[in-house]
Amino acid sequence: MRMRTDQGEAQVPGTHEAPGVRVDVYVKPGDAQRALRAEALQGLCHAPKELSPKWLYDERGSQLFDDITRLPEYYPTRREREILHAHADDIARLSGADTLVELGSGTSEKTRLILDAMDAAGQLKRFVPFDVSEAFLRKAAEGLAREYPGIAVHAVVGDFEQHLGRLPGGGRRLIAFLGGTIGNLKPAQRALFLRELSSGLRPGDGLLLGTDLIKDRERLFAAYNDSAGVTADFNRNVLRVLNRELNADFDPEAFEHLAPFDEHNAWIEMRLISRKAQSVWIGDLEKRVDFAAGECLRTEVSCKFCREQVQEELRDAGLDLAAWWTDADGDFALSLAMKR
């Protein structure tokens, strides 16, 4: 999942803000460490072995993923940007929003296209970037406040699996959840997420959702198994995170990266496959984890969609599809859904 984990210190809400910026902090010091310990205990000590993709995204992992988005095989980022270039004005007009909320905002690079369109239409009053990394978010929020001096920037440091209810209300809001991140949630998780998000919206609020579409299997495989090995390095990075944060002794090179397409579930499945029988010590858990030769550790799923599925899942959450846009090749989609 395109999420970062913050290993830094959390600050008290409302402190050290730049002019024009408010920052609410809901991620407490030690939250990430406690969550990683609990998940490693559950996910590594039972079969089948699995970890959340959020642990891929420390500073190094985030940089590696940024490198992935520039690879020739990895199309989603380019295709989504293409749609935003073509339809940002339509998004602003149809949503009628005066507040843009971005989940997993990062640098908000693509979101600037929507901000610019809303600003040009005279609609933009407030931007709410939501991310888990406080230091990263504060820096980004200050930059956005300088770029858009006439608007309020209300940043929220939180985990969207826990803190959706903390999103600030008021105004007519458009929630942007881009990058295909929704696909990193399995169906039951996705349904819960959409219901929770929808329950916090008022009639007239909207959701702009990015989804990767089902396509030629060879192209899907190539996007997650690039020839330069960047995705393999990114995938193994989770083992480096475990070594650093939990005093484990994984040898990343003892695991092979593979990301096949699962036809039954319609998702890409990122795997680390043990090259040999091996035993790993996780010091902070005081646990030894055994891997058989060929045993898999699943680190991410990335679901692929069709329009009918997206529309049905949105409808089940109380959201009506208002617009559907794809790139010229039909690789990726942005859907605008409105709260009933």
C-alpha atoms as a PDB file:
ATOM      1  CA  MET A   1       0.000   0.000   0.000  1.00  0.00           C
ATOM      2  CA  ARG A   2       1.296   3.441  -0.841  1.00  0.00           C
ATOM      3  CA  MET A   3       1.659   4.489   2.771  1.00  0.00           C
ATOM      4  CA  ARG A   4       4.549   5.599   4.903  1.00  0.00           C
ATOM      5  CA  THR A   5       5.328   4.820   8.500  1.00  0.00           C
ATOM      6  CA  ASP A   6       6.729   7.545  10.703  1.00  0.00           C
ATOM      7  CA  GLN A   7       9.482   6.544  13.075  1.00  0.00           C
ATOM      8  CA  GLY A   8       9.877  10.097  14.383  1.00  0.00           C
ATOM      9  CA  GLU A   9       8.467  11.900  17.396  1.00  0.00           C
ATOM     10  CA  ALA A  10       4.883  13.091  17.244  1.00  0.00           C
ATOM     11  CA  GLN A  11       4.094  16.623  18.382  1.00  0.00           C
ATOM     12  CA  VAL A  12       1.137  18.008  20.253  1.00  0.00           C
ATOM     13  CA  PRO A  13      -1.650  19.266  17.940  1.00  0.00           C
ATOM     14  CA  GLY A  14      -1.486  22.956  17.284  1.00  0.00           C
ATOM     15  CA  THR A  15       2.231  23.515  17.985  1.00  0.00           C
ATOM     16  CA  HIS A  16       4.955  25.002  15.771  1.00  0.00           C
ATOM     17  CA  GLU A  17       2.670  25.737  12.802  1.00  0.00           C
ATOM     18  CA  ALA A  18       3.786  28.119  10.069  1.00  0.00           C
ATOM     19  CA  PRO A  19       1.486  31.052   9.271  1.00  0.00           C
ATOM     20  CA  GLY A  20      -1.650  29.872   7.475  1.00  0.00           C
ATOM     21  CA  VAL A  21      -1.117  26.256   8.537  1.00  0.00           C
ATOM     22  CA  ARG A  22      -2.842  24.184  11.196  1.00  0.00           C
ATOM     23  CA  VAL A  23      -1.561  20.722  12.047  1.00  0.00           C
ATOM     24  CA  ASP A  24      -3.510  18.146  14.061  1.00  0.00           C
ATOM     25  CA  VAL A  25      -1.471  15.149  15.209  1.00  0.00           C
ATOM     26  CA  TYR A  26      -3.167  11.859  16.084  1.00  0.00           C
ATOM     27  CA  VAL A  27      -0.177   9.526  15.710  1.00  0.00           C
ATOM     28  CA  LYS A  28       1.486   9.232  19.099  1.00  0.00           C
ATOM     29  CA  PRO A  29       5.181   8.496  19.739  1.00  0.00           C
ATOM     30  CA  GLY A  30       5.738   4.762  19.647  1.00  0.00           C
ATOM     31  CA  ASP A  31       2.482   3.955  17.806  1.00  0.00           C
ATOM     32  CA  ALA A  32       4.277   2.661  14.727  1.00  0.00           C
ATOM     33  CA  GLN A  33       6.707   0.575  16.778  1.00  0.00           C
ATOM     34  CA  ARG A  34       3.894  -1.027  18.777  1.00  0.00           C
ATOM     35  CA  ALA A  35       1.893  -1.737  15.626  1.00  0.00           C
ATOM     36  CA  LEU A  36       4.888  -3.309  13.897  1.00  0.00           C
ATOM     37  CA  ARG A  37       5.613  -5.552  16.896  1.00  0.00           C
ATOM     38  CA  ALA A  38       2.006  -6.733  17.035  1.00  0.00           C
ATOM     39  CA  GLU A  39       1.804  -7.370  13.307  1.00  0.00           C
ATOM     40  CA  ALA A  40       5.157  -9.134  13.126  1.00  0.00           C
ATOM     41  CA  LEU A  41       4.099 -11.410  15.973  1.00  0.00           C
ATOM     42  CA  GLN A  42       0.888 -12.294  14.182  1.00  0.00           C
ATOM     43  CA  GLY A  43       2.063 -12.201  10.583  1.00  0.00           C
ATOM     44  CA  LEU A  44       5.446 -13.903  10.815  1.00  0.00           C
ATOM     45  CA  CYS A  45       4.791 -16.485  13.483  1.00  0.00           C
ATOM     46  CA  HIS A  46       1.792 -18.089  11.787  1.00  0.00           C
ATOM     47  CA  ALA A  47       1.242 -19.571   8.349  1.00  0.00           C
ATOM     48  CA  PRO A  48       0.781 -18.233   5.757  1.00  0.00           C
ATOM     49  CA  LYS A  49       3.238 -15.430   6.549  1.00  0.00           C
ATOM     50  CA  GLU A  50       2.095 -11.907   5.698  1.00  0.00           C
ATOM     51  CA  LEU A  51       2.836  -8.268   6.547  1.00  0.00           C
ATOM     52  CA  SER A  52       1.042  -5.043   5.716  1.00  0.00           C
ATOM     53  CA  PRO A  53       2.551  -3.039   2.831  1.00  0.00           C
ATOM     54  CA  LYS A  54       2.769   0.000   5.096  1.00  0.00           C
ATOM     55  CA  TRP A  55       6.049  -1.345   6.478  1.00  0.00           C
ATOM     56  CA  LEU A  56       7.689  -1.068   3.064  1.00  0.00           C
ATOM     57  CA  TYR A  57       7.654   2.712   3.330  1.00  0.00           C
ATOM     58  CA  ASP A  58      10.399   3.988   5.561  1.00  0.00           C
ATOM     59  CA  GLU A  59      12.549   6.789   4.101  1.00  0.00           C
ATOM     60  CA  ARG A  60      14.495   4.415   1.874  1.00  0.00           C
ATOM     61  CA  GLY A  61      11.387   2.548   0.800  1.00  0.00           C
ATOM     62  CA  SER A  62       9.591   5.775  -0.086  1.00  0.00           C
ATOM     63  CA  GLN A  63      12.531   6.819  -2.259  1.00  0.00           C
ATOM     64  CA  LEU A  64      12.593   3.435  -3.949  1.00  0.00           C
ATOM     65  CA  PHE A  65       8.878   3.658  -4.678  1.00  0.00           C
ATOM     66  CA  ASP A  66       9.412   7.116  -6.156  1.00  0.00           C
ATOM     67  CA  ASP A  67      12.028   5.508  -8.403  1.00  0.00           C
ATOM     68  CA  ILE A  68       9.521   2.809  -9.366  1.00  0.00           C
ATOM     69  CA  THR A  69       6.994   5.397 -10.557  1.00  0.00           C
ATOM     70  CA  ARG A  70       9.555   6.578 -13.131  1.00  0.00           C
ATOM     71  CA  LEU A  71      10.286   3.124 -14.563  1.00  0.00           C
ATOM     72  CA  PRO A  72       9.111   2.454 -18.135  1.00  0.00           C
ATOM     73  CA  GLU A  73       7.201  -0.665 -17.019  1.00  0.00           C
ATOM     74  CA  TYR A  74       5.287   1.101 -14.240  1.00  0.00           C
ATOM     75  CA  TYR A  75       2.392   2.895 -15.907  1.00  0.00           C
ATOM     76  CA  PRO A  76      -0.106   3.824 -13.101  1.00  0.00           C
ATOM     77  CA  THR A  77       1.471   7.110 -11.997  1.00  0.00           C
ATOM     78  CA  ARG A  78       1.796   8.419 -15.562  1.00  0.00           C
ATOM     79  CA  ARG A  79      -1.696   7.333 -16.538  1.00  0.00           C
ATOM     80  CA  GLU A  80      -3.311   8.918 -13.479  1.00  0.00           C
ATOM     81  CA  ARG A  81      -1.456  12.169 -14.115  1.00  0.00           C
ATOM     82  CA  GLU A  82      -2.684  12.070 -17.718  1.00  0.00           C
ATOM     83  CA  ILE A  83      -6.290  11.847 -16.526  1.00  0.00           C
ATOM     84  CA  LEU A  84      -5.823  14.698 -14.058  1.00  0.00           C
ATOM     85  CA  HIS A  85      -4.291  16.922 -16.744  1.00  0.00           C
ATOM     86  CA  ALA A  86      -7.283  16.232 -18.986  1.00  0.00           C
ATOM     87  CA  HIS A  87     -10.071  16.440 -16.390  1.00  0.00           C
ATOM     88  CA  ALA A  88      -9.025  18.577 -13.412  1.00  0.00           C
ATOM     89  CA  ASP A  89     -11.417  21.335 -14.518  1.00  0.00           C
ATOM     90  CA  ASP A  90     -14.235  18.784 -14.787  1.00  0.00           C
ATOM     91  CA  ILE A  91     -13.434  17.463 -11.308  1.00  0.00           C
ATOM     92  CA  ALA A  92     -13.613  20.966  -9.829  1.00  0.00           C
ATOM     93  CA  ARG A  93     -16.851  21.795 -11.625  1.00  0.00           C
ATOM     94  CA  LEU A  94     -18.710  18.561 -11.002  1.00  0.00           C
ATOM     95  CA  SER A  95     -17.675  18.239  -7.372  1.00  0.00           C
ATOM     96  CA  GLY A  96     -18.488  21.857  -6.553  1.00  0.00           C
ATOM     97  CA  ALA A  97     -16.070  21.473  -3.646  1.00  0.00           C
ATOM     98  CA  ASP A  98     -14.423  24.327  -1.766  1.00  0.00           C
ATOM     99  CA  THR A  99     -12.302  21.967   0.381  1.00  0.00           C
ATOM    100  CA  LEU A 100      -9.929  19.336  -0.965  1.00  0.00           C
ATOM    101  CA  VAL A 101      -8.922  16.530   1.399  1.00  0.00           C
ATOM    102  CA  GLU A 102      -6.113  14.261   0.225  1.00  0.00           C
ATOM    103  CA  LEU A 103      -5.546  10.905   1.916  1.00  0.00           C
ATOM    104  CA  GLY A 104      -1.922   9.777   1.840  1.00  0.00           C
ATOM    105  CA  SER A 105      -0.959  13.169   0.510  1.00  0.00           C
ATOM    106  CA  GLY A 106       2.821  12.839   0.319  1.00  0.00           C
ATOM    107  CA  THR A 107       4.146  15.763  -1.712  1.00  0.00           C
ATOM    108  CA  SER A 108       0.678  16.423  -3.223  1.00  0.00           C
ATOM    109  CA  GLU A 109       2.355  16.661  -6.626  1.00  0.00           C
ATOM    110  CA  LYS A 110      -0.573  15.372  -8.675  1.00  0.00           C
ATOM    111  CA  THR A 111      -3.090  17.023  -6.378  1.00  0.00           C
ATOM    112  CA  ARG A 112      -1.792  20.449  -7.387  1.00  0.00           C
ATOM    113  CA  LEU A 113      -3.607  19.942 -10.692  1.00  0.00           C
ATOM    114  CA  ILE A 114      -6.906  19.747  -8.802  1.00  0.00           C
ATOM    115  CA  LEU A 115      -5.963  22.606  -6.465  1.00  0.00           C
ATOM    116  CA  ASP A 116      -5.108  24.772  -9.475  1.00  0.00           C
ATOM    117  CA  ALA A 117      -8.415  23.943 -11.157  1.00  0.00           C
ATOM    118  CA  MET A 118     -10.434  24.682  -8.017  1.00  0.00           C
ATOM    119  CA  ASP A 119      -8.482  27.881  -7.482  1.00  0.00           C
ATOM    120  CA  ALA A 120      -9.018  29.024 -11.086  1.00  0.00           C
ATOM    121  CA  ALA A 121     -12.760  28.378 -10.688  1.00  0.00           C
ATOM    122  CA  GLY A 122     -12.823  30.569  -7.554  1.00  0.00           C
ATOM    123  CA  GLN A 123     -13.896  27.621  -5.393  1.00  0.00           C
ATOM    124  CA  LEU A 124     -10.821  26.776  -3.336  1.00  0.00           C
ATOM    125  CA  LYS A 125     -10.955  27.782   0.326  1.00  0.00           C
ATOM    126  CA  ARG A 126      -9.175  24.990   2.170  1.00  0.00           C
ATOM    127  CA  PHE A 127      -6.776  22.091   1.636  1.00  0.00           C
ATOM    128  CA  VAL A 128      -6.539  19.191   4.097  1.00  0.00           C
ATOM    129  CA  PRO A 129      -3.490  16.966   3.487  1.00  0.00           C
ATOM    130  CA  PHE A 130      -3.660  13.746   5.519  1.00  0.00           C
ATOM    131  CA  ASP A 131      -0.580  11.579   6.006  1.00  0.00           C
ATOM    132  CA  VAL A 132       1.113   9.470   8.674  1.00  0.00           C
ATOM    133  CA  SER A 133       4.533  11.131   8.581  1.00  0.00           C
ATOM    134  CA  GLU A 134       4.465  14.292  10.672  1.00  0.00           C
ATOM    135  CA  ALA A 135       7.791  15.816   9.657  1.00  0.00           C
ATOM    136  CA  PHE A 136       7.081  15.156   5.980  1.00  0.00           C
ATOM    137  CA  LEU A 137       3.549  16.530   6.228  1.00  0.00           C
ATOM    138  CA  ARG A 138       4.545  19.696   8.063  1.00  0.00           C
ATOM    139  CA  LYS A 139       7.105  20.532   5.395  1.00  0.00           C
ATOM    140  CA  ALA A 140       4.639  19.848   2.583  1.00  0.00           C
ATOM    141  CA  ALA A 141       1.874  21.866   4.288  1.00  0.00           C
ATOM    142  CA  GLU A 142       4.132  24.887   4.724  1.00  0.00           C
ATOM    143  CA  GLY A 143       5.092  24.759   1.053  1.00  0.00           C
ATOM    144  CA  LEU A 144       1.450  24.539  -0.018  1.00  0.00           C
ATOM    145  CA  ALA A 145       0.502  27.479   2.193  1.00  0.00           C
ATOM    146  CA  ARG A 146       3.116  29.562   0.394  1.00  0.00           C
ATOM    147  CA  GLU A 147       1.931  28.392  -3.033  1.00  0.00           C
ATOM    148  CA  TYR A 148      -1.750  29.079  -2.284  1.00  0.00           C
ATOM    149  CA  PRO A 149      -1.667  32.069   0.092  1.00  0.00           C
ATOM    150  CA  GLY A 150      -5.404  32.687  -0.080  1.00  0.00           C
ATOM    151  CA  ILE A 151      -6.453  29.337   1.382  1.00  0.00           C
ATOM    152  CA  ALA A 152      -6.361  27.619   4.760  1.00  0.00           C
ATOM    153  CA  VAL A 153      -4.126  24.544   5.037  1.00  0.00           C
ATOM    154  CA  HIS A 154      -5.283  22.168   7.760  1.00  0.00           C
ATOM    155  CA  ALA A 155      -2.939  19.179   7.880  1.00  0.00           C
ATOM    156  CA  VAL A 156      -3.847  15.981   9.719  1.00  0.00           C
ATOM    157  CA  VAL A 157      -1.207  13.511  10.854  1.00  0.00           C
ATOM    158  CA  GLY A 158      -2.947  10.166  11.074  1.00  0.00           C
ATOM    159  CA  ASP A 159      -3.394   6.647   9.756  1.00  0.00           C
ATOM    160  CA  PHE A 160      -6.385   6.366   7.439  1.00  0.00           C
ATOM    161  CA  GLU A 161      -7.109   2.897   8.806  1.00  0.00           C
ATOM    162  CA  GLN A 162      -7.683   4.453  12.242  1.00  0.00           C
ATOM    163  CA  HIS A 163      -8.286   8.199  12.027  1.00  0.00           C
ATOM    164  CA  LEU A 164     -10.771   8.852   9.213  1.00  0.00           C
ATOM    165  CA  GLY A 165     -13.195  10.143  11.829  1.00  0.00           C
ATOM    166  CA  ARG A 166     -10.701  12.924  12.618  1.00  0.00           C
ATOM    167  CA  LEU A 167     -11.003  14.588   9.217  1.00  0.00           C
ATOM    168  CA  PRO A 168     -12.142  18.192   9.732  1.00  0.00           C
ATOM    169  CA  GLY A 169     -15.707  18.962   8.655  1.00  0.00           C
ATOM    170  CA  GLY A 170     -17.190  22.105   7.200  1.00  0.00           C
ATOM    171  CA  GLY A 171     -17.533  23.348   3.655  1.00  0.00           C
ATOM    172  CA  ARG A 172     -18.206  21.133   0.678  1.00  0.00           C
ATOM    173  CA  ARG A 173     -15.464  18.547   0.668  1.00  0.00           C
ATOM    174  CA  LEU A 174     -13.849  16.456  -2.029  1.00  0.00           C
ATOM    175  CA  ILE A 175     -11.842  13.524  -0.655  1.00  0.00           C
ATOM    176  CA  ALA A 176      -9.031  12.487  -3.005  1.00  0.00           C
ATOM    177  CA  PHE A 177      -7.655   8.968  -2.628  1.00  0.00           C
ATOM    178  CA  LEU A 178      -5.284   8.605  -5.545  1.00  0.00           C
ATOM    179  CA  GLY A 179      -2.502   6.351  -6.805  1.00  0.00           C
ATOM    180  CA  GLY A 180      -4.515   3.132  -6.776  1.00  0.00           C
ATOM    181  CA  THR A 181      -3.882   2.780  -3.031  1.00  0.00           C
ATOM    182  CA  ILE A 182      -7.438   1.496  -2.558  1.00  0.00           C
ATOM    183  CA  GLY A 183      -6.255  -1.669  -4.304  1.00  0.00           C
ATOM    184  CA  ASN A 184      -3.904  -2.486  -1.447  1.00  0.00           C
ATOM    185  CA  LEU A 185      -6.951  -3.229   0.696  1.00  0.00           C
ATOM    186  CA  LYS A 186      -8.505  -6.668   0.375  1.00  0.00           C
ATOM    187  CA  PRO A 187     -12.259  -6.724  -0.365  1.00  0.00           C
ATOM    188  CA  ALA A 188     -13.473  -6.852   3.255  1.00  0.00           C
ATOM    189  CA  GLN A 189     -10.981  -4.164   4.323  1.00  0.00           C
ATOM    190  CA  ARG A 190     -11.965  -2.061   1.326  1.00  0.00           C
ATOM    191  CA  ALA A 191     -15.673  -2.296   2.103  1.00  0.00           C
ATOM    192  CA  LEU A 192     -15.051  -1.261   5.711  1.00  0.00           C
ATOM    193  CA  PHE A 193     -12.844   1.638   4.625  1.00  0.00           C
ATOM    194  CA  LEU A 194     -15.388   2.955   2.114  1.00  0.00           C
ATOM    195  CA  ARG A 195     -18.264   2.645   4.591  1.00  0.00           C
ATOM    196  CA  GLU A 196     -16.324   4.473   7.288  1.00  0.00           C
ATOM    197  CA  LEU A 197     -15.255   7.194   4.895  1.00  0.00           C
ATOM    198  CA  SER A 198     -18.777   7.596   3.549  1.00  0.00           C
ATOM    199  CA  SER A 199     -20.274   7.778   7.044  1.00  0.00           C
ATOM    200  CA  GLY A 200     -18.242  10.915   7.706  1.00  0.00           C
ATOM    201  CA  LEU A 201     -19.393  12.682   4.548  1.00  0.00           C
ATOM    202  CA  ARG A 202     -22.412  14.928   4.149  1.00  0.00           C
ATOM    203  CA  PRO A 203     -24.739  14.897   1.126  1.00  0.00           C
ATOM    204  CA  GLY A 204     -22.953  16.786  -1.631  1.00  0.00           C
ATOM    205  CA  ASP A 205     -19.464  15.792  -0.472  1.00  0.00           C
ATOM    206  CA  GLY A 206     -17.498  13.740  -2.983  1.00  0.00           C
ATOM    207  CA  LEU A 207     -14.811  11.081  -3.318  1.00  0.00           C
ATOM    208  CA  LEU A 208     -12.238  11.095  -6.121  1.00  0.00           C
ATOM    209  CA  LEU A 209     -10.868   7.568  -6.316  1.00  0.00           C
ATOM    210  CA  GLY A 210      -7.949   6.247  -8.363  1.00  0.00           C
ATOM    211  CA  THR A 211      -8.139   2.604  -9.438  1.00  0.00           C
ATOM    212  CA  ASP A 212      -5.855   0.489 -11.597  1.00  0.00           C
ATOM    213  CA  LEU A 213      -7.776  -1.493 -14.197  1.00  0.00           C
ATOM    214  CA  ILE A 214      -7.540  -5.147 -15.220  1.00  0.00           C
ATOM    215  CA  LYS A 215      -5.462  -5.456 -18.371  1.00  0.00           C
ATOM    216  CA  ASP A 216      -3.043  -7.644 -20.286  1.00  0.00           C
ATOM    217  CA  ARG A 217      -1.380  -9.967 -17.768  1.00  0.00           C
ATOM    218  CA  GLU A 218       2.090  -9.528 -19.244  1.00  0.00           C
ATOM    219  CA  ARG A 219       1.895  -5.768 -18.726  1.00  0.00           C
ATOM    220  CA  LEU A 220       0.692  -6.242 -15.166  1.00  0.00           C
ATOM    221  CA  PHE A 221       3.521  -8.650 -14.429  1.00  0.00           C
ATOM    222  CA  ALA A 222       6.134  -6.347 -15.945  1.00  0.00           C
ATOM    223  CA  ALA A 223       4.919  -3.383 -13.863  1.00  0.00           C
ATOM    224  CA  TYR A 224       5.689  -5.228 -10.608  1.00  0.00           C
ATOM    225  CA  ASN A 225       8.697  -7.265 -11.765  1.00  0.00           C
ATOM    226  CA  ASP A 226      10.753  -4.596 -13.519  1.00  0.00           C
ATOM    227  CA  SER A 227      13.880  -5.540 -15.424  1.00  0.00           C
ATOM    228  CA  ALA A 228      16.084  -3.154 -13.387  1.00  0.00           C
ATOM    229  CA  GLY A 229      15.194  -4.887 -10.109  1.00  0.00           C
ATOM    230  CA  VAL A 230      14.007  -1.708  -8.380  1.00  0.00           C
ATOM    231  CA  THR A 231      10.761  -3.304  -7.226  1.00  0.00           C
ATOM    232  CA  ALA A 232      12.678  -6.286  -5.895  1.00  0.00           C
ATOM    233  CA  ASP A 233      14.874  -3.948  -3.840  1.00  0.00           C
ATOM    234  CA  PHE A 234      11.756  -2.104  -2.656  1.00  0.00           C
ATOM    235  CA  ASN A 235      10.106  -5.359  -1.600  1.00  0.00           C
ATOM    236  CA  ARG A 236      13.159  -6.598   0.293  1.00  0.00           C
ATOM    237  CA  ASN A 237      13.314  -3.272   2.096  1.00  0.00           C
ATOM    238  CA  VAL A 238      10.676  -4.528   4.524  1.00  0.00           C
ATOM    239  CA  LEU A 239      13.255  -6.974   5.828  1.00  0.00           C
ATOM    240  CA  ARG A 240      15.669  -4.125   6.465  1.00  0.00           C
ATOM    241  CA  VAL A 241      12.905  -2.339   8.363  1.00  0.00           C
ATOM    242  CA  LEU A 242      12.374  -5.426  10.529  1.00  0.00           C
ATOM    243  CA  ASN A 243      16.111  -5.701  11.157  1.00  0.00           C
ATOM    244  CA  ARG A 244      16.348  -2.079  12.252  1.00  0.00           C
ATOM    245  CA  GLU A 245      13.110  -1.712  14.191  1.00  0.00           C
ATOM    246  CA  LEU A 246      12.806  -5.154  15.792  1.00  0.00           C
ATOM    247  CA  ASN A 247      16.455  -6.208  16.021  1.00  0.00           C
ATOM    248  CA  ALA A 248      15.952  -9.041  13.541  1.00  0.00           C
ATOM    249  CA  ASP A 249      18.686 -10.700  11.507  1.00  0.00           C
ATOM    250  CA  PHE A 250      17.056 -11.198   8.096  1.00  0.00           C
ATOM    251  CA  ASP A 251      19.407 -11.553   5.146  1.00  0.00           C
ATOM    252  CA  PRO A 252      17.453  -9.707   2.424  1.00  0.00           C
ATOM    253  CA  GLU A 253      19.409 -11.417  -0.340  1.00  0.00           C
ATOM    254  CA  ALA A 254      18.243 -14.788   0.957  1.00  0.00           C
ATOM    255  CA  PHE A 255      14.771 -13.912  -0.375  1.00  0.00           C
ATOM    256  CA  GLU A 256      13.679 -13.710  -3.987  1.00  0.00           C
ATOM    257  CA  HIS A 257      11.117 -11.140  -5.152  1.00  0.00           C
ATOM    258  CA  LEU A 258       8.153 -12.295  -7.207  1.00  0.00           C
ATOM    259  CA  ALA A 259       4.868 -10.511  -7.913  1.00  0.00           C
ATOM    260  CA  PRO A 260       2.482 -12.721  -9.937  1.00  0.00           C
ATOM    261  CA  PHE A 261      -1.110 -11.944 -10.859  1.00  0.00           C
ATOM    262  CA  ASP A 262      -3.671 -13.971  -8.895  1.00  0.00           C
ATOM    263  CA  GLU A 263      -6.510 -14.661 -11.343  1.00  0.00           C
ATOM    264  CA  HIS A 264      -8.967 -15.757  -8.650  1.00  0.00           C
ATOM    265  CA  ASN A 265      -8.602 -12.582  -6.580  1.00  0.00           C
ATOM    266  CA  ALA A 266      -7.739 -10.253  -9.483  1.00  0.00           C
ATOM    267  CA  TRP A 267      -4.731  -8.837  -7.702  1.00  0.00           C
ATOM    268  CA  ILE A 268      -0.989  -8.640  -7.997  1.00  0.00           C
ATOM    269  CA  GLU A 269       0.580 -10.373  -5.011  1.00  0.00           C
ATOM    270  CA  MET A 270       4.012  -9.175  -3.879  1.00  0.00           C
ATOM    271  CA  ARG A 271       5.969 -12.060  -2.411  1.00  0.00           C
ATOM    272  CA  LEU A 272       9.346 -12.622  -0.829  1.00  0.00           C
ATOM    273  CA  ILE A 273      10.316 -16.240  -1.397  1.00  0.00           C
ATOM    274  CA  SER A 274      12.880 -17.903   0.824  1.00  0.00           C
ATOM    275  CA  ARG A 275      15.734 -19.195  -1.347  1.00  0.00           C
ATOM    276  CA  LYS A 276      16.610 -21.854   1.227  1.00  0.00           C
ATOM    277  CA  ALA A 277      15.535 -23.292   4.557  1.00  0.00           C
ATOM    278  CA  GLN A 278      16.531 -20.689   7.117  1.00  0.00           C
ATOM    279  CA  SER A 279      15.836 -19.463  10.634  1.00  0.00           C
ATOM    280  CA  VAL A 280      15.553 -15.776  11.553  1.00  0.00           C
ATOM    281  CA  TRP A 281      15.845 -14.336  15.052  1.00  0.00           C
ATOM    282  CA  ILE A 282      13.621 -11.362  15.932  1.00  0.00           C
ATOM    283  CA  GLY A 283      15.236  -9.957  19.039  1.00  0.00           C
ATOM    284  CA  ASP A 284      12.513  -7.598  20.225  1.00  0.00           C
ATOM    285  CA  LEU A 285       9.954 -10.403  20.048  1.00  0.00           C
ATOM    286  CA  GLU A 286      12.332 -13.017  21.430  1.00  0.00           C
ATOM    287  CA  LYS A 287      11.060 -15.268  18.667  1.00  0.00           C
ATOM    288  CA  ARG A 288      12.736 -17.439  16.082  1.00  0.00           C
ATOM    289  CA  VAL A 289      10.930 -17.593  12.736  1.00  0.00           C
ATOM    290  CA  ASP A 290      11.593 -20.554  10.448  1.00  0.00           C
ATOM    291  CA  PHE A 291      11.252 -20.420   6.672  1.00  0.00           C
ATOM    292  CA  ALA A 292      11.178 -23.520   4.511  1.00  0.00           C
ATOM    293  CA  ALA A 293      12.892 -23.389   1.128  1.00  0.00           C
ATOM    294  CA  GLY A 294      10.379 -21.799  -1.262  1.00  0.00           C
ATOM    295  CA  GLU A 295       8.149 -20.482   1.536  1.00  0.00           C
ATOM    296  CA  CYS A 296       6.488 -17.128   0.788  1.00  0.00           C
ATOM    297  CA  LEU A 297       6.083 -13.978   2.822  1.00  0.00           C
ATOM    298  CA  ARG A 298       3.325 -11.839   1.286  1.00  0.00           C
ATOM    299  CA  THR A 299       4.048  -8.125   1.608  1.00  0.00           C
ATOM    300  CA  GLU A 300       1.363  -6.521  -0.557  1.00  0.00           C
ATOM    301  CA  VAL A 301      -1.652  -7.109  -2.729  1.00  0.00           C
ATOM    302  CA  SER A 302      -2.647  -4.678  -5.449  1.00  0.00           C
ATOM    303  CA  CYS A 303      -6.203  -5.276  -6.633  1.00  0.00           C
ATOM    304  CA  LYS A 304      -7.199  -4.483 -10.200  1.00  0.00           C
ATOM    305  CA  PHE A 305     -10.703  -3.325 -11.076  1.00  0.00           C
ATOM    306  CA  CYS A 306     -13.345  -2.847 -13.733  1.00  0.00           C
ATOM    307  CA  ARG A 307     -15.907  -0.050 -13.814  1.00  0.00           C
ATOM    308  CA  GLU A 308     -18.827  -2.224 -12.725  1.00  0.00           C
ATOM    309  CA  GLN A 309     -16.972  -3.417  -9.637  1.00  0.00           C
ATOM    310  CA  VAL A 310     -15.941   0.094  -8.608  1.00  0.00           C
ATOM    311  CA  GLN A 311     -19.476   1.404  -9.098  1.00  0.00           C
ATOM    312  CA  GLU A 312     -20.957  -1.458  -7.054  1.00  0.00           C
ATOM    313  CA  GLU A 313     -18.516  -1.027  -4.168  1.00  0.00           C
ATOM    314  CA  LEU A 314     -19.129   2.711  -4.062  1.00  0.00           C
ATOM    315  CA  ARG A 315     -22.895   2.189  -4.156  1.00  0.00           C
ATOM    316  CA  ASP A 316     -22.717  -0.292  -1.288  1.00  0.00           C
ATOM    317  CA  ALA A 317     -20.955   2.415   0.755  1.00  0.00           C
ATOM    318  CA  GLY A 318     -23.652   5.018   0.013  1.00  0.00           C
ATOM    319  CA  LEU A 319     -21.801   6.803  -2.791  1.00  0.00           C
ATOM    320  CA  ASP A 320     -23.171   7.352  -6.299  1.00  0.00           C
ATOM    321  CA  LEU A 321     -20.848   7.344  -9.295  1.00  0.00           C
ATOM    322  CA  ALA A 322     -21.068  10.765 -10.949  1.00  0.00           C
ATOM    323  CA  ALA A 323     -18.194  10.550 -13.436  1.00  0.00           C
ATOM    324  CA  TRP A 324     -15.678   8.010 -14.712  1.00  0.00           C
ATOM    325  CA  TRP A 325     -12.528   8.942 -16.581  1.00  0.00           C
ATOM    326  CA  THR A 326      -9.721   6.795 -17.982  1.00  0.00           C
ATOM    327  CA  ASP A 327      -6.491   7.550 -19.789  1.00  0.00           C
ATOM    328  CA  ALA A 328      -6.412   7.151 -23.565  1.00  0.00           C
ATOM    329  CA  ASP A 329      -5.279   3.524 -23.316  1.00  0.00           C
ATOM    330  CA  GLY A 330      -7.804   2.543 -20.628  1.00  0.00           C
ATOM    331  CA  ASP A 331      -5.119   1.510 -18.151  1.00  0.00           C
ATOM    332  CA  PHE A 332      -6.221   3.511 -15.130  1.00  0.00           C
ATOM    333  CA  ALA A 333      -9.409   5.195 -13.934  1.00  0.00           C
ATOM    334  CA  LEU A 334     -10.490   8.108 -11.800  1.00  0.00           C
ATOM    335  CA  SER A 335     -14.031   7.987 -10.495  1.00  0.00           C
ATOM    336  CA  LEU A 336     -15.954  10.834  -8.905  1.00  0.00           C
ATOM    337  CA  ALA A 337     -18.636   9.620  -6.493  1.00  0.00           C
ATOM    338  CA  MET A 338     -21.022  11.784  -4.484  1.00  0.00           C
ATOM    339  CA  LYS A 339     -22.545  11.171  -1.072  1.00  0.00           C
ATOM    340  CA  ARG A 340     -26.290  10.602  -1.259  1.00  0.00           C
END
